[in-house]
Amino acid sequence: LKLAQAGHGNRHHDLPSRTVEETRAAFPRLNAEQTGALLHLARGGGTIRVVGGLAGTGKTTLLDAARDAWE
């Protein structure tokens, strides 16, 4: 928890808007919630970002897109 609080506001790992847009285009099946979560992961600030959801809601697809963006 201390590490998360210490990293609050850190934008070192934020992705450029262009990268996020390219990722969204490469993953057209992302729904509105997944797109919002991708934006949270890619540009949410902080060193630790969390996404949760029920089984079958597309977390794996979302994380595939996020991984692709950082790669």
C-alpha atoms as a PDB file:
ATOM      1  CA  LEU A   1       0.000   0.000   0.000  1.00  0.00           C
ATOM      2  CA  LYS A   2       2.864   2.363   0.788  1.00  0.00           C
ATOM      3  CA  LEU A   3       4.377   1.732  -2.648  1.00  0.00           C
ATOM      4  CA  ALA A   4       1.057   2.460  -4.322  1.00  0.00           C
ATOM      5  CA  GLN A   5       0.664   5.684  -2.349  1.00  0.00           C
ATOM      6  CA  ALA A   6       4.252   6.729  -3.075  1.00  0.00           C
ATOM      7  CA  GLY A   7       3.692   6.234  -6.807  1.00  0.00           C
ATOM      8  CA  HIS A   8       0.409   8.150  -6.903  1.00  0.00           C
ATOM      9  CA  GLY A   9       0.541  10.717  -9.690  1.00  0.00           C
ATOM     10  CA  ASN A  10       3.631   9.180 -11.284  1.00  0.00           C
ATOM     11  CA  ARG A  11       3.151   9.361 -15.046  1.00  0.00           C
ATOM     12  CA  HIS A  12       6.403   7.621 -16.032  1.00  0.00           C
ATOM     13  CA  HIS A  13       4.585   4.621 -17.543  1.00  0.00           C
ATOM     14  CA  ASP A  14       1.734   6.532 -19.193  1.00  0.00           C
ATOM     15  CA  LEU A  15       1.435   5.892 -22.911  1.00  0.00           C
ATOM     16  CA  PRO A  16       1.132   8.629 -25.551  1.00  0.00           C
ATOM     17  CA  SER A  17      -2.386   9.265 -26.864  1.00  0.00           C
ATOM     18  CA  ARG A  18      -1.317   8.117 -30.320  1.00  0.00           C
ATOM     19  CA  THR A  19      -0.265   4.717 -28.969  1.00  0.00           C
ATOM     20  CA  VAL A  20      -3.598   4.320 -27.181  1.00  0.00           C
ATOM     21  CA  GLU A  21      -5.528   5.230 -30.349  1.00  0.00           C
ATOM     22  CA  GLU A  22      -3.477   2.789 -32.433  1.00  0.00           C
ATOM     23  CA  THR A  23      -4.175   0.068 -29.885  1.00  0.00           C
ATOM     24  CA  ARG A  24      -7.896   0.799 -29.904  1.00  0.00           C
ATOM     25  CA  ALA A  25      -7.871   0.535 -33.703  1.00  0.00           C
ATOM     26  CA  ALA A  26      -5.989  -2.774 -33.536  1.00  0.00           C
ATOM     27  CA  PHE A  27      -8.574  -4.190 -31.104  1.00  0.00           C
ATOM     28  CA  PRO A  28     -11.947  -3.110 -32.581  1.00  0.00           C
ATOM     29  CA  ARG A  29     -13.851  -5.634 -30.458  1.00  0.00           C
ATOM     30  CA  LEU A  30     -13.194  -3.673 -27.247  1.00  0.00           C
ATOM     31  CA  ASN A  31     -16.488  -2.430 -25.864  1.00  0.00           C
ATOM     32  CA  ALA A  32     -16.977   0.917 -24.117  1.00  0.00           C
ATOM     33  CA  GLU A  33     -16.088  -0.439 -20.659  1.00  0.00           C
ATOM     34  CA  GLN A  34     -12.958  -2.164 -21.955  1.00  0.00           C
ATOM     35  CA  THR A  35     -11.927   1.002 -23.769  1.00  0.00           C
ATOM     36  CA  GLY A  36     -12.366   2.993 -20.568  1.00  0.00           C
ATOM     37  CA  ALA A  37     -10.301   0.450 -18.676  1.00  0.00           C
ATOM     38  CA  LEU A  38      -7.607   0.584 -21.364  1.00  0.00           C
ATOM     39  CA  LEU A  39      -7.462   4.360 -20.975  1.00  0.00           C
ATOM     40  CA  HIS A  40      -7.225   3.927 -17.194  1.00  0.00           C
ATOM     41  CA  LEU A  41      -4.324   1.507 -17.561  1.00  0.00           C
ATOM     42  CA  ALA A  42      -2.527   3.464 -20.271  1.00  0.00           C
ATOM     43  CA  ARG A  43      -2.955   6.997 -18.995  1.00  0.00           C
ATOM     44  CA  GLY A  44      -4.245   6.713 -15.449  1.00  0.00           C
ATOM     45  CA  GLY A  45      -1.109   7.858 -13.663  1.00  0.00           C
ATOM     46  CA  GLY A  46       0.414   6.095 -10.716  1.00  0.00           C
ATOM     47  CA  THR A  47       2.744   3.149 -10.588  1.00  0.00           C
ATOM     48  CA  ILE A  48       0.026   0.626  -9.734  1.00  0.00           C
ATOM     49  CA  ARG A  49      -3.258   0.451 -11.634  1.00  0.00           C
ATOM     50  CA  VAL A  50      -6.027  -2.028 -10.951  1.00  0.00           C
ATOM     51  CA  VAL A  51      -8.791  -3.410 -13.144  1.00  0.00           C
ATOM     52  CA  GLY A  52     -11.426  -5.827 -11.933  1.00  0.00           C
ATOM     53  CA  GLY A  53     -14.498  -7.458 -13.370  1.00  0.00           C
ATOM     54  CA  LEU A  54     -16.699 -10.495 -13.281  1.00  0.00           C
ATOM     55  CA  ALA A  55     -15.827 -13.678 -15.122  1.00  0.00           C
ATOM     56  CA  GLY A  56     -16.490 -13.422 -18.833  1.00  0.00           C
ATOM     57  CA  THR A  57     -16.488  -9.624 -19.008  1.00  0.00           C
ATOM     58  CA  GLY A  58     -13.424  -9.375 -21.247  1.00  0.00           C
ATOM     59  CA  LYS A  59     -10.538  -8.739 -18.858  1.00  0.00           C
ATOM     60  CA  THR A  60      -8.208 -11.036 -20.791  1.00  0.00           C
ATOM     61  CA  THR A  61      -9.023  -9.287 -24.076  1.00  0.00           C
ATOM     62  CA  LEU A  62      -8.467  -5.928 -22.399  1.00  0.00           C
ATOM     63  CA  LEU A  63      -5.120  -7.009 -20.973  1.00  0.00           C
ATOM     64  CA  ASP A  64      -4.081  -8.403 -24.366  1.00  0.00           C
ATOM     65  CA  ALA A  65      -4.676  -4.932 -25.796  1.00  0.00           C
ATOM     66  CA  ALA A  66      -2.831  -3.243 -22.921  1.00  0.00           C
ATOM     67  CA  ARG A  67       0.143  -5.569 -23.299  1.00  0.00           C
ATOM     68  CA  ASP A  68       0.217  -4.867 -27.020  1.00  0.00           C
ATOM     69  CA  ALA A  69       0.222  -1.122 -26.340  1.00  0.00           C
ATOM     70  CA  TRP A  70       3.255  -1.294 -24.056  1.00  0.00           C
ATOM     71  CA  GLU A  71       5.127  -3.657 -26.356  1.00  0.00           C
END
